[in-house]
Each structure stands twice: as structure tokens, then as C-alpha cells.
Amino acid sequence: MATTRIPLIKADTQAQDIADKLEMSTAEIGLTVRTTNCLEERGIFTVHDLLNCTRDDLLAISNFGEKTLDEVYRALEGVGFYRKSRQAAAKKAQSSSQTSPQSASQVSSQLPSKAR
């Protein structure tokens, strides 16, 4: 990313950070090859695609069970996306961090309408 002489607004840099994370491939977030292959067979290639899937959508994929679902949740948490039930605990754990964890619904509401 090019540097500018004018400092960027913190919200702009956070929005760009979220956009970059949403564009990451499923392989880039640390999922196993097997899990990535299962997701790609269903047309799920990016974090954005993954966040638009429900738990039931994922469990409907063949060879995709609870352990694989846990792997997906851990990988998403690793890049800063948390389930609502885990978000409060994550905020406490990351209170010293500059960016707060994002839930899937928060990210979706921040996306431009064409990206939703």
C-alpha cells in the first residue's frame, strides 16, 4: 500500500483492513486443503463467501461435519471474525489491540451495497 503525506482517517484504514480480510481466500486463512476443497466445491472461495453461509449451509456440504465447522470458526477467529456468542470473550482478550473483533453481521452492514 502506498504511503501518503496526508494521514488517512482511522475508519478508512479499518474499512480497508476489513475489505482486505473479506477478499482473502479460504486457503489463506489457514484451513486445511481438505476443508478448502469441500468449500470450493460449493462455490465458497473467499472469507466473504464463507461469512454469507449459515451453519446449516456448511453442515449440508458432503464430508463437512462438526469438526470441520470448528476448524472454520477457529480460522475466521484467527483473522478477526467472531461468532456473536464468542465476540464478548474476544473483546476482553483483545482489549489492548487497536482493532476490535468483528461479527459477520457487523461486517455485512459495513459493506457497500454491491458487495453484499
PDB file of N, CA and C in Angstrom:
ATOM      1  N   MET A   1       0.839  -1.167   0.000  1.00  0.00           N
ATOM      2  CA  MET A   1       0.000   0.000   0.000  1.00  0.00           C
ATOM      3  C   MET A   1       0.893   1.241   0.000  1.00  0.00           C
ATOM      4  N   ALA A   2       0.599   2.183  -0.846  1.00  0.00           N
ATOM      5  CA  ALA A   2       1.400   3.396  -0.964  1.00  0.00           C
ATOM      6  C   ALA A   2       1.168   4.306   0.243  1.00  0.00           C
ATOM      7  N   THR A   3       2.223   4.970   0.638  1.00  0.00           N
ATOM      8  CA  THR A   3       2.077   5.915   1.736  1.00  0.00           C
ATOM      9  C   THR A   3       1.750   7.288   1.183  1.00  0.00           C
ATOM     10  N   THR A   4       1.032   8.049   1.958  1.00  0.00           N
ATOM     11  CA  THR A   4       0.674   9.405   1.556  1.00  0.00           C
ATOM     12  C   THR A   4       1.179  10.379   2.601  1.00  0.00           C
ATOM     13  N   ARG A   5       1.237  11.608   2.215  1.00  0.00           N
ATOM     14  CA  ARG A   5       1.647  12.638   3.166  1.00  0.00           C
ATOM     15  C   ARG A   5       0.491  13.035   4.063  1.00  0.00           C
ATOM     16  N   ILE A   6      -0.719  12.818   3.587  1.00  0.00           N
ATOM     17  CA  ILE A   6      -1.896  13.135   4.381  1.00  0.00           C
ATOM     18  C   ILE A   6      -2.293  11.871   5.142  1.00  0.00           C
ATOM     19  N   PRO A   7      -2.371  11.950   6.473  1.00  0.00           N
ATOM     20  CA  PRO A   7      -2.729  10.743   7.226  1.00  0.00           C
ATOM     21  C   PRO A   7      -4.170  10.318   6.920  1.00  0.00           C
ATOM     22  N   LEU A   8      -4.338   9.032   6.733  1.00  0.00           N
ATOM     23  CA  LEU A   8      -5.658   8.512   6.462  1.00  0.00           C
ATOM     24  C   LEU A   8      -6.482   8.466   7.741  1.00  0.00           C
ATOM     25  N   ILE A   9      -7.750   8.641   7.603  1.00  0.00           N
ATOM     26  CA  ILE A   9      -8.638   8.568   8.750  1.00  0.00           C
ATOM     27  C   ILE A   9      -8.652   7.126   9.239  1.00  0.00           C
ATOM     28  N   LYS A  10      -8.661   6.958  10.549  1.00  0.00           N
ATOM     29  CA  LYS A  10      -8.599   5.626  11.141  1.00  0.00           C
ATOM     30  C   LYS A  10      -9.724   4.729  10.621  1.00  0.00           C
ATOM     31  N   ALA A  11     -10.909   5.270  10.469  1.00  0.00           N
ATOM     32  CA  ALA A  11     -12.038   4.480   9.971  1.00  0.00           C
ATOM     33  C   ALA A  11     -11.773   3.977   8.553  1.00  0.00           C
ATOM     34  N   ASP A  12     -11.133   4.801   7.739  1.00  0.00           N
ATOM     35  CA  ASP A  12     -10.815   4.381   6.371  1.00  0.00           C
ATOM     36  C   ASP A  12      -9.832   3.224   6.365  1.00  0.00           C
ATOM     37  N   THR A  13      -8.831   3.294   7.228  1.00  0.00           N
ATOM     38  CA  THR A  13      -7.849   2.214   7.269  1.00  0.00           C
ATOM     39  C   THR A  13      -8.478   0.939   7.832  1.00  0.00           C
ATOM     40  N   GLN A  14      -9.379   1.078   8.808  1.00  0.00           N
ATOM     41  CA  GLN A  14     -10.067  -0.094   9.345  1.00  0.00           C
ATOM     42  C   GLN A  14     -10.980  -0.706   8.284  1.00  0.00           C
ATOM     43  N   ALA A  15     -11.673   0.136   7.533  1.00  0.00           N
ATOM     44  CA  ALA A  15     -12.552  -0.354   6.473  1.00  0.00           C
ATOM     45  C   ALA A  15     -11.737  -1.086   5.405  1.00  0.00           C
ATOM     46  N   GLN A  16     -10.584  -0.562   5.074  1.00  0.00           N
ATOM     47  CA  GLN A  16      -9.719  -1.214   4.085  1.00  0.00           C
ATOM     48  C   GLN A  16      -9.196  -2.541   4.621  1.00  0.00           C
ATOM     49  N   ASP A  17      -8.865  -2.563   5.911  1.00  0.00           N
ATOM     50  CA  ASP A  17      -8.392  -3.792   6.541  1.00  0.00           C
ATOM     51  C   ASP A  17      -9.470  -4.872   6.479  1.00  0.00           C
ATOM     52  N   ILE A  18     -10.706  -4.498   6.771  1.00  0.00           N
ATOM     53  CA  ILE A  18     -11.821  -5.443   6.709  1.00  0.00           C
ATOM     54  C   ILE A  18     -12.029  -5.910   5.271  1.00  0.00           C
ATOM     55  N   ALA A  19     -11.995  -4.978   4.328  1.00  0.00           N
ATOM     56  CA  ALA A  19     -12.171  -5.340   2.919  1.00  0.00           C
ATOM     57  C   ALA A  19     -11.085  -6.321   2.464  1.00  0.00           C
ATOM     58  N   ASP A  20      -9.853  -6.090   2.903  1.00  0.00           N
ATOM     59  CA  ASP A  20      -8.747  -6.992   2.557  1.00  0.00           C
ATOM     60  C   ASP A  20      -8.979  -8.386   3.144  1.00  0.00           C
ATOM     61  N   LYS A  21      -9.455  -8.442   4.389  1.00  0.00           N
ATOM     62  CA  LYS A  21      -9.728  -9.729   5.021  1.00  0.00           C
ATOM     63  C   LYS A  21     -10.852 -10.466   4.310  1.00  0.00           C
ATOM     64  N   LEU A  22     -11.874  -9.732   3.884  1.00  0.00           N
ATOM     65  CA  LEU A  22     -13.004 -10.356   3.196  1.00  0.00           C
ATOM     66  C   LEU A  22     -12.600 -10.941   1.854  1.00  0.00           C
ATOM     67  N   GLU A  23     -11.585 -10.373   1.233  1.00  0.00           N
ATOM     68  CA  GLU A  23     -11.117 -10.854  -0.067  1.00  0.00           C
ATOM     69  C   GLU A  23     -10.144 -12.022   0.039  1.00  0.00           C
ATOM     70  N   MET A  24      -9.714 -12.369   1.251  1.00  0.00           N
ATOM     71  CA  MET A  24      -8.782 -13.483   1.434  1.00  0.00           C
ATOM     72  C   MET A  24      -9.441 -14.787   0.996  1.00  0.00           C
ATOM     73  N   SER A  25      -8.645 -15.655   0.389  1.00  0.00           N
ATOM     74  CA  SER A  25      -9.178 -16.954   0.005  1.00  0.00           C
ATOM     75  C   SER A  25      -9.300 -17.829   1.244  1.00  0.00           C
ATOM     76  N   THR A  26     -10.089 -18.879   1.115  1.00  0.00           N
ATOM     77  CA  THR A  26     -10.250 -19.787   2.250  1.00  0.00           C
ATOM     78  C   THR A  26      -8.926 -20.458   2.611  1.00  0.00           C
ATOM     79  N   ALA A  27      -8.070 -20.684   1.637  1.00  0.00           N
ATOM     80  CA  ALA A  27      -6.764 -21.285   1.911  1.00  0.00           C
ATOM     81  C   ALA A  27      -5.864 -20.325   2.695  1.00  0.00           C
ATOM     82  N   GLU A  28      -5.999 -19.026   2.435  1.00  0.00           N
ATOM     83  CA  GLU A  28      -5.148 -18.032   3.095  1.00  0.00           C
ATOM     84  C   GLU A  28      -5.425 -17.894   4.588  1.00  0.00           C
ATOM     85  N   ILE A  29      -6.597 -18.291   5.049  1.00  0.00           N
ATOM     86  CA  ILE A  29      -6.904 -18.124   6.468  1.00  0.00           C
ATOM     87  C   ILE A  29      -6.493 -19.327   7.296  1.00  0.00           C
ATOM     88  N   GLY A  30      -5.865 -20.299   6.660  1.00  0.00           N
ATOM     89  CA  GLY A  30      -5.296 -21.416   7.398  1.00  0.00           C
ATOM     90  C   GLY A  30      -6.150 -22.662   7.440  1.00  0.00           C
ATOM     91  N   LEU A  31      -7.118 -22.784   6.555  1.00  0.00           N
ATOM     92  CA  LEU A  31      -7.912 -24.006   6.506  1.00  0.00           C
ATOM     93  C   LEU A  31      -7.110 -25.110   5.835  1.00  0.00           C
ATOM     94  N   THR A  32      -7.400 -26.336   6.212  1.00  0.00           N
ATOM     95  CA  THR A  32      -6.711 -27.465   5.594  1.00  0.00           C
ATOM     96  C   THR A  32      -7.131 -27.584   4.131  1.00  0.00           C
ATOM     97  N   VAL A  33      -6.338 -28.294   3.365  1.00  0.00           N
ATOM     98  CA  VAL A  33      -6.623 -28.499   1.949  1.00  0.00           C
ATOM     99  C   VAL A  33      -7.969 -29.206   1.793  1.00  0.00           C
ATOM    100  N   ARG A  34      -8.240 -30.198   2.627  1.00  0.00           N
ATOM    101  CA  ARG A  34      -9.496 -30.936   2.565  1.00  0.00           C
ATOM    102  C   ARG A  34     -10.685 -30.003   2.769  1.00  0.00           C
ATOM    103  N   THR A  35     -10.616 -29.154   3.782  1.00  0.00           N
ATOM    104  CA  THR A  35     -11.704 -28.217   4.065  1.00  0.00           C
ATOM    105  C   THR A  35     -11.853 -27.209   2.934  1.00  0.00           C
ATOM    106  N   THR A  36     -10.742 -26.697   2.455  1.00  0.00           N
ATOM    107  CA  THR A  36     -10.781 -25.743   1.339  1.00  0.00           C
ATOM    108  C   THR A  36     -11.419 -26.379   0.118  1.00  0.00           C
ATOM    109  N   ASN A  37     -11.074 -27.632  -0.175  1.00  0.00           N
ATOM    110  CA  ASN A  37     -11.658 -28.327  -1.325  1.00  0.00           C
ATOM    111  C   ASN A  37     -13.162 -28.506  -1.158  1.00  0.00           C
ATOM    112  N   CYS A  38     -13.609 -28.867   0.048  1.00  0.00           N
ATOM    113  CA  CYS A  38     -15.049 -29.011   0.305  1.00  0.00           C
ATOM    114  C   CYS A  38     -15.774 -27.694   0.046  1.00  0.00           C
ATOM    115  N   LEU A  39     -15.203 -26.612   0.526  1.00  0.00           N
ATOM    116  CA  LEU A  39     -15.834 -25.297   0.358  1.00  0.00           C
ATOM    117  C   LEU A  39     -15.843 -24.879  -1.111  1.00  0.00           C
ATOM    118  N   GLU A  40     -14.736 -25.089  -1.793  1.00  0.00           N
ATOM    119  CA  GLU A  40     -14.650 -24.668  -3.193  1.00  0.00           C
ATOM    120  C   GLU A  40     -15.597 -25.459  -4.086  1.00  0.00           C
ATOM    121  N   GLU A  41     -15.870 -26.712  -3.728  1.00  0.00           N
ATOM    122  CA  GLU A  41     -16.836 -27.498  -4.498  1.00  0.00           C
ATOM    123  C   GLU A  41     -18.227 -26.887  -4.436  1.00  0.00           C
ATOM    124  N   ARG A  42     -18.512 -26.148  -3.366  1.00  0.00           N
ATOM    125  CA  ARG A  42     -19.805 -25.480  -3.209  1.00  0.00           C
ATOM    126  C   ARG A  42     -19.753 -24.015  -3.627  1.00  0.00           C
ATOM    127  N   GLY A  43     -18.647 -23.578  -4.211  1.00  0.00           N
ATOM    128  CA  GLY A  43     -18.535 -22.209  -4.698  1.00  0.00           C
ATOM    129  C   GLY A  43     -18.154 -21.196  -3.636  1.00  0.00           C
ATOM    130  N   ILE A  44     -17.575 -21.662  -2.543  1.00  0.00           N
ATOM    131  CA  ILE A  44     -17.148 -20.783  -1.445  1.00  0.00           C
ATOM    132  C   ILE A  44     -15.633 -20.628  -1.558  1.00  0.00           C
ATOM    133  N   PHE A  45     -15.203 -19.455  -2.042  1.00  0.00           N
ATOM    134  CA  PHE A  45     -13.783 -19.240  -2.315  1.00  0.00           C
ATOM    135  C   PHE A  45     -13.133 -18.216  -1.391  1.00  0.00           C
ATOM    136  N   THR A  46     -13.902 -17.277  -0.853  1.00  0.00           N
ATOM    137  CA  THR A  46     -13.334 -16.196  -0.045  1.00  0.00           C
ATOM    138  C   THR A  46     -13.969 -16.157   1.341  1.00  0.00           C
ATOM    139  N   VAL A  47     -13.367 -15.374   2.211  1.00  0.00           N
ATOM    140  CA  VAL A  47     -13.920 -15.165   3.549  1.00  0.00           C
ATOM    141  C   VAL A  47     -15.316 -14.556   3.431  1.00  0.00           C
ATOM    142  N   HIS A  48     -15.499 -13.629   2.493  1.00  0.00           N
ATOM    143  CA  HIS A  48     -16.812 -13.020   2.288  1.00  0.00           C
ATOM    144  C   HIS A  48     -17.852 -14.085   1.953  1.00  0.00           C
ATOM    145  N   ASP A  49     -17.513 -15.008   1.056  1.00  0.00           N
ATOM    146  CA  ASP A  49     -18.422 -16.101   0.719  1.00  0.00           C
ATOM    147  C   ASP A  49     -18.741 -16.944   1.953  1.00  0.00           C
ATOM    148  N   LEU A  50     -17.729 -17.203   2.739  1.00  0.00           N
ATOM    149  CA  LEU A  50     -17.878 -18.034   3.933  1.00  0.00           C
ATOM    150  C   LEU A  50     -18.779 -17.367   4.967  1.00  0.00           C
ATOM    151  N   LEU A  51     -18.619 -16.063   5.146  1.00  0.00           N
ATOM    152  CA  LEU A  51     -19.438 -15.349   6.123  1.00  0.00           C
ATOM    153  C   LEU A  51     -20.899 -15.259   5.706  1.00  0.00           C
ATOM    154  N   ASN A  52     -21.174 -15.433   4.431  1.00  0.00           N
ATOM    155  CA  ASN A  52     -22.558 -15.410   3.956  1.00  0.00           C
ATOM    156  C   ASN A  52     -23.243 -16.765   4.080  1.00  0.00           C
ATOM    157  N   CYS A  53     -22.536 -17.769   4.561  1.00  0.00           N
ATOM    158  CA  CYS A  53     -23.108 -19.104   4.748  1.00  0.00           C
ATOM    159  C   CYS A  53     -23.562 -19.268   6.196  1.00  0.00           C
ATOM    160  N   THR A  54     -24.668 -19.950   6.351  1.00  0.00           N
ATOM    161  CA  THR A  54     -25.129 -20.278   7.697  1.00  0.00           C
ATOM    162  C   THR A  54     -24.465 -21.572   8.146  1.00  0.00           C
ATOM    163  N   ARG A  55     -24.596 -21.853   9.416  1.00  0.00           N
ATOM    164  CA  ARG A  55     -24.071 -23.096   9.978  1.00  0.00           C
ATOM    165  C   ARG A  55     -24.680 -24.282   9.232  1.00  0.00           C
ATOM    166  N   ASP A  56     -25.981 -24.233   9.003  1.00  0.00           N
ATOM    167  CA  ASP A  56     -26.669 -25.322   8.308  1.00  0.00           C
ATOM    168  C   ASP A  56     -26.191 -25.467   6.863  1.00  0.00           C
ATOM    169  N   ASP A  57     -25.918 -24.332   6.202  1.00  0.00           N
ATOM    170  CA  ASP A  57     -25.383 -24.388   4.833  1.00  0.00           C
ATOM    171  C   ASP A  57     -24.075 -25.166   4.808  1.00  0.00           C
ATOM    172  N   LEU A  58     -23.209 -24.877   5.761  1.00  0.00           N
ATOM    173  CA  LEU A  58     -21.902 -25.530   5.801  1.00  0.00           C
ATOM    174  C   LEU A  58     -22.027 -27.014   6.143  1.00  0.00           C
ATOM    175  N   LEU A  59     -22.893 -27.332   7.107  1.00  0.00           N
ATOM    176  CA  LEU A  59     -23.049 -28.725   7.506  1.00  0.00           C
ATOM    177  C   LEU A  59     -23.734 -29.559   6.424  1.00  0.00           C
ATOM    178  N   ALA A  60     -24.386 -28.908   5.464  1.00  0.00           N
ATOM    179  CA  ALA A  60     -25.026 -29.620   4.356  1.00  0.00           C
ATOM    180  C   ALA A  60     -24.015 -30.064   3.297  1.00  0.00           C
ATOM    181  N   ILE A  61     -22.800 -29.546   3.364  1.00  0.00           N
ATOM    182  CA  ILE A  61     -21.755 -29.936   2.411  1.00  0.00           C
ATOM    183  C   ILE A  61     -21.294 -31.350   2.753  1.00  0.00           C
ATOM    184  N   SER A  62     -21.155 -32.185   1.728  1.00  0.00           N
ATOM    185  CA  SER A  62     -20.726 -33.565   1.988  1.00  0.00           C
ATOM    186  C   SER A  62     -19.314 -33.565   2.583  1.00  0.00           C
ATOM    187  N   ASN A  63     -19.097 -34.480   3.512  1.00  0.00           N
ATOM    188  CA  ASN A  63     -17.824 -34.612   4.240  1.00  0.00           C
ATOM    189  C   ASN A  63     -17.489 -33.400   5.089  1.00  0.00           C
ATOM    190  N   PHE A  64     -18.483 -32.612   5.454  1.00  0.00           N
ATOM    191  CA  PHE A  64     -18.289 -31.407   6.259  1.00  0.00           C
ATOM    192  C   PHE A  64     -19.100 -31.595   7.534  1.00  0.00           C
ATOM    193  N   GLY A  65     -18.398 -31.875   8.641  1.00  0.00           N
ATOM    194  CA  GLY A  65     -19.074 -32.125   9.912  1.00  0.00           C
ATOM    195  C   GLY A  65     -18.721 -31.098  10.965  1.00  0.00           C
ATOM    196  N   GLU A  66     -19.030 -31.432  12.196  1.00  0.00           N
ATOM    197  CA  GLU A  66     -18.807 -30.519  13.318  1.00  0.00           C
ATOM    198  C   GLU A  66     -17.332 -30.160  13.493  1.00  0.00           C
ATOM    199  N   LYS A  67     -16.440 -31.120  13.329  1.00  0.00           N
ATOM    200  CA  LYS A  67     -15.005 -30.840  13.479  1.00  0.00           C
ATOM    201  C   LYS A  67     -14.524 -29.863  12.407  1.00  0.00           C
ATOM    202  N   THR A  68     -15.008 -30.058  11.194  1.00  0.00           N
ATOM    203  CA  THR A  68     -14.636 -29.153  10.108  1.00  0.00           C
ATOM    204  C   THR A  68     -15.220 -27.772  10.355  1.00  0.00           C
ATOM    205  N   LEU A  69     -16.440 -27.731  10.862  1.00  0.00           N
ATOM    206  CA  LEU A  69     -17.069 -26.452  11.193  1.00  0.00           C
ATOM    207  C   LEU A  69     -16.265 -25.718  12.273  1.00  0.00           C
ATOM    208  N   ASP A  70     -15.799 -26.455  13.284  1.00  0.00           N
ATOM    209  CA  ASP A  70     -14.954 -25.846  14.319  1.00  0.00           C
ATOM    210  C   ASP A  70     -13.658 -25.311  13.725  1.00  0.00           C
ATOM    211  N   GLU A  71     -13.102 -26.038  12.774  1.00  0.00           N
ATOM    212  CA  GLU A  71     -11.882 -25.578  12.098  1.00  0.00           C
ATOM    213  C   GLU A  71     -12.139 -24.245  11.383  1.00  0.00           C
ATOM    214  N   VAL A  72     -13.282 -24.155  10.713  1.00  0.00           N
ATOM    215  CA  VAL A  72     -13.648 -22.921  10.006  1.00  0.00           C
ATOM    216  C   VAL A  72     -13.808 -21.775  10.999  1.00  0.00           C
ATOM    217  N   TYR A  73     -14.520 -22.029  12.107  1.00  0.00           N
ATOM    218  CA  TYR A  73     -14.718 -20.984  13.122  1.00  0.00           C
ATOM    219  C   TYR A  73     -13.376 -20.503  13.680  1.00  0.00           C
ATOM    220  N   ARG A  74     -12.471 -21.436  13.971  1.00  0.00           N
ATOM    221  CA  ARG A  74     -11.153 -21.042  14.507  1.00  0.00           C
ATOM    222  C   ARG A  74     -10.364 -20.225  13.487  1.00  0.00           C
ATOM    223  N   ALA A  75     -10.437 -20.616  12.216  1.00  0.00           N
ATOM    224  CA  ALA A  75      -9.718 -19.878  11.175  1.00  0.00           C
ATOM    225  C   ALA A  75     -10.282 -18.470  11.025  1.00  0.00           C
ATOM    226  N   LEU A  76     -11.601 -18.333  11.072  1.00  0.00           N
ATOM    227  CA  LEU A  76     -12.216 -17.000  10.979  1.00  0.00           C
ATOM    228  C   LEU A  76     -11.843 -16.149  12.184  1.00  0.00           C
ATOM    229  N   GLU A  77     -11.812 -16.756  13.362  1.00  0.00           N
ATOM    230  CA  GLU A  77     -11.391 -16.028  14.555  1.00  0.00           C
ATOM    231  C   GLU A  77      -9.937 -15.576  14.433  1.00  0.00           C
ATOM    232  N   GLY A  78      -9.139 -16.379  13.770  1.00  0.00           N
ATOM    233  CA  GLY A  78      -7.729 -16.048  13.580  1.00  0.00           C
ATOM    234  C   GLY A  78      -7.512 -14.781  12.756  1.00  0.00           C
ATOM    235  N   VAL A  79      -8.470 -14.463  11.889  1.00  0.00           N
ATOM    236  CA  VAL A  79      -8.350 -13.232  11.099  1.00  0.00           C
ATOM    237  C   VAL A  79      -9.259 -12.121  11.624  1.00  0.00           C
ATOM    238  N   GLY A  80      -9.939 -12.380  12.754  1.00  0.00           N
ATOM    239  CA  GLY A  80     -10.687 -11.312  13.418  1.00  0.00           C
ATOM    240  C   GLY A  80     -12.193 -11.329  13.276  1.00  0.00           C
ATOM    241  N   PHE A  81     -12.771 -12.422  12.778  1.00  0.00           N
ATOM    242  CA  PHE A  81     -14.228 -12.533  12.667  1.00  0.00           C
ATOM    243  C   PHE A  81     -14.720 -13.557  13.676  1.00  0.00           C
ATOM    244  N   TYR A  82     -15.634 -13.114  14.552  1.00  0.00           N
ATOM    245  CA  TYR A  82     -16.101 -13.951  15.645  1.00  0.00           C
ATOM    246  C   TYR A  82     -17.605 -14.172  15.576  1.00  0.00           C
ATOM    247  N   ARG A  83     -18.038 -15.325  16.071  1.00  0.00           N
ATOM    248  CA  ARG A  83     -19.467 -15.569  16.240  1.00  0.00           C
ATOM    249  C   ARG A  83     -19.961 -14.667  17.355  1.00  0.00           C
ATOM    250  N   LYS A  84     -21.232 -14.313  17.312  1.00  0.00           N
ATOM    251  CA  LYS A  84     -21.783 -13.416  18.334  1.00  0.00           C
ATOM    252  C   LYS A  84     -21.551 -13.962  19.732  1.00  0.00           C
ATOM    253  N   SER A  85     -21.700 -15.249  19.914  1.00  0.00           N
ATOM    254  CA  SER A  85     -21.532 -15.852  21.232  1.00  0.00           C
ATOM    255  C   SER A  85     -20.099 -15.763  21.734  1.00  0.00           C
ATOM    256  N   ARG A  86     -19.150 -15.669  20.837  1.00  0.00           N
ATOM    257  CA  ARG A  86     -17.740 -15.605  21.219  1.00  0.00           C
ATOM    258  C   ARG A  86     -17.168 -14.200  21.181  1.00  0.00           C
ATOM    259  N   GLN A  87     -17.932 -13.249  20.650  1.00  0.00           N
ATOM    260  CA  GLN A  87     -17.410 -11.908  20.445  1.00  0.00           C
ATOM    261  C   GLN A  87     -17.103 -11.195  21.762  1.00  0.00           C
ATOM    262  N   ALA A  88     -17.956 -11.356  22.771  1.00  0.00           N
ATOM    263  CA  ALA A  88     -17.728 -10.680  24.053  1.00  0.00           C
ATOM    264  C   ALA A  88     -16.420 -11.160  24.682  1.00  0.00           C
ATOM    265  N   ALA A  89     -16.182 -12.458  24.632  1.00  0.00           N
ATOM    266  CA  ALA A  89     -14.939 -13.005  25.183  1.00  0.00           C
ATOM    267  C   ALA A  89     -13.738 -12.517  24.381  1.00  0.00           C
ATOM    268  N   ALA A  90     -13.901 -12.399  23.088  1.00  0.00           N
ATOM    269  CA  ALA A  90     -12.805 -11.946  22.232  1.00  0.00           C
ATOM    270  C   ALA A  90     -12.471 -10.485  22.509  1.00  0.00           C
ATOM    271  N   LYS A  91     -13.482  -9.670  22.767  1.00  0.00           N
ATOM    272  CA  LYS A  91     -13.232  -8.259  23.073  1.00  0.00           C
ATOM    273  C   LYS A  91     -12.407  -8.120  24.341  1.00  0.00           C
ATOM    274  N   LYS A  92     -12.713  -8.927  25.332  1.00  0.00           N
ATOM    275  CA  LYS A  92     -11.940  -8.895  26.572  1.00  0.00           C
ATOM    276  C   LYS A  92     -10.500  -9.313  26.327  1.00  0.00           C
ATOM    277  N   ALA A  93     -10.329 -10.354  25.525  1.00  0.00           N
ATOM    278  CA  ALA A  93      -8.985 -10.873  25.247  1.00  0.00           C
ATOM    279  C   ALA A  93      -8.166  -9.904  24.406  1.00  0.00           C
ATOM    280  N   GLN A  94      -8.835  -9.131  23.558  1.00  0.00           N
ATOM    281  CA  GLN A  94      -8.122  -8.215  22.668  1.00  0.00           C
ATOM    282  C   GLN A  94      -8.277  -6.754  23.079  1.00  0.00           C
ATOM    283  N   SER A  95      -8.561  -6.505  24.332  1.00  0.00           N
ATOM    284  CA  SER A  95      -8.801  -5.133  24.768  1.00  0.00           C
ATOM    285  C   SER A  95      -7.594  -4.224  24.546  1.00  0.00           C
ATOM    286  N   SER A  96      -6.417  -4.793  24.502  1.00  0.00           N
ATOM    287  CA  SER A  96      -5.229  -3.983  24.263  1.00  0.00           C
ATOM    288  C   SER A  96      -4.943  -3.794  22.776  1.00  0.00           C
ATOM    289  N   SER A  97      -5.677  -4.517  21.916  1.00  0.00           N
ATOM    290  CA  SER A  97      -5.485  -4.424  20.471  1.00  0.00           C
ATOM    291  C   SER A  97      -6.120  -3.147  19.937  1.00  0.00           C
ATOM    292  N   GLN A  98      -5.629  -2.677  18.783  1.00  0.00           N
ATOM    293  CA  GLN A  98      -6.165  -1.448  18.198  1.00  0.00           C
ATOM    294  C   GLN A  98      -7.490  -1.671  17.506  1.00  0.00           C
ATOM    295  N   THR A  99      -7.709  -2.835  16.907  1.00  0.00           N
ATOM    296  CA  THR A  99      -8.960  -3.098  16.207  1.00  0.00           C
ATOM    297  C   THR A  99      -9.786  -4.081  17.006  1.00  0.00           C
ATOM    298  N   SER A 100     -11.078  -3.839  17.074  1.00  0.00           N
ATOM    299  CA  SER A 100     -11.951  -4.738  17.801  1.00  0.00           C
ATOM    300  C   SER A 100     -12.423  -5.850  16.886  1.00  0.00           C
ATOM    301  N   PRO A 101     -12.747  -7.011  17.450  1.00  0.00           N
ATOM    302  CA  PRO A 101     -13.207  -8.109  16.629  1.00  0.00           C
ATOM    303  C   PRO A 101     -14.540  -7.773  15.967  1.00  0.00           C
ATOM    304  N   GLN A 102     -14.754  -8.305  14.786  1.00  0.00           N
ATOM    305  CA  GLN A 102     -15.960  -8.026  14.017  1.00  0.00           C
ATOM    306  C   GLN A 102     -16.820  -9.271  13.941  1.00  0.00           C
ATOM    307  N   SER A 103     -18.123  -9.104  14.129  1.00  0.00           N
ATOM    308  CA  SER A 103     -19.027 -10.219  13.879  1.00  0.00           C
ATOM    309  C   SER A 103     -19.406 -10.174  12.410  1.00  0.00           C
ATOM    310  N   ALA A 104     -19.895 -11.276  11.912  1.00  0.00           N
ATOM    311  CA  ALA A 104     -20.278 -11.343  10.498  1.00  0.00           C
ATOM    312  C   ALA A 104     -21.350 -10.320  10.177  1.00  0.00           C
ATOM    313  N   SER A 105     -22.303 -10.101  11.094  1.00  0.00           N
ATOM    314  CA  SER A 105     -23.368  -9.140  10.814  1.00  0.00           C
ATOM    315  C   SER A 105     -22.837  -7.707  10.792  1.00  0.00           C
ATOM    316  N   GLN A 106     -21.856  -7.400  11.631  1.00  0.00           N
ATOM    317  CA  GLN A 106     -21.271  -6.061  11.613  1.00  0.00           C
ATOM    318  C   GLN A 106     -20.543  -5.814  10.310  1.00  0.00           C
ATOM    319  N   VAL A 107     -19.820  -6.807   9.836  1.00  0.00           N
ATOM    320  CA  VAL A 107     -19.067  -6.671   8.595  1.00  0.00           C
ATOM    321  C   VAL A 107     -20.032  -6.485   7.433  1.00  0.00           C
ATOM    322  N   SER A 108     -21.077  -7.280   7.410  1.00  0.00           N
ATOM    323  CA  SER A 108     -22.046  -7.199   6.326  1.00  0.00           C
ATOM    324  C   SER A 108     -22.677  -5.813   6.256  1.00  0.00           C
ATOM    325  N   SER A 109     -22.955  -5.208   7.404  1.00  0.00           N
ATOM    326  CA  SER A 109     -23.578  -3.887   7.402  1.00  0.00           C
ATOM    327  C   SER A 109     -22.606  -2.792   6.964  1.00  0.00           C
ATOM    328  N   GLN A 110     -21.308  -3.061   7.027  1.00  0.00           N
ATOM    329  CA  GLN A 110     -20.307  -2.075   6.640  1.00  0.00           C
ATOM    330  C   GLN A 110     -19.938  -2.165   5.173  1.00  0.00           C
ATOM    331  N   LEU A 111     -20.370  -3.229   4.499  1.00  0.00           N
ATOM    332  CA  LEU A 111     -20.016  -3.414   3.098  1.00  0.00           C
ATOM    333  C   LEU A 111     -20.822  -2.481   2.203  1.00  0.00           C
ATOM    334  N   PRO A 112     -20.222  -2.037   1.123  1.00  0.00           N
ATOM    335  CA  PRO A 112     -21.001  -1.295   0.146  1.00  0.00           C
ATOM    336  C   PRO A 112     -22.097  -2.208  -0.395  1.00  0.00           C
ATOM    337  N   SER A 113     -23.202  -1.660  -0.816  1.00  0.00           N
ATOM    338  CA  SER A 113     -24.354  -2.465  -1.214  1.00  0.00           C
ATOM    339  C   SER A 113     -24.032  -3.429  -2.346  1.00  0.00           C
ATOM    340  N   LYS A 114     -23.132  -3.094  -3.250  1.00  0.00           N
ATOM    341  CA  LYS A 114     -22.822  -4.001  -4.352  1.00  0.00           C
ATOM    342  C   LYS A 114     -22.012  -5.206  -3.895  1.00  0.00           C
ATOM    343  N   ALA A 115     -21.320  -5.125  -2.736  1.00  0.00           N
ATOM    344  CA  ALA A 115     -20.519  -6.233  -2.231  1.00  0.00           C
ATOM    345  C   ALA A 115     -21.352  -7.214  -1.413  1.00  0.00           C
ATOM    346  N   ARG A 116     -22.553  -6.816  -0.999  1.00  0.00           N
ATOM    347  CA  ARG A 116     -23.404  -7.715  -0.199  1.00  0.00           C
ATOM    348  C   ARG A 116     -24.041  -8.673  -1.063  1.00  0.00           C
TER     349      ARG A 116
END
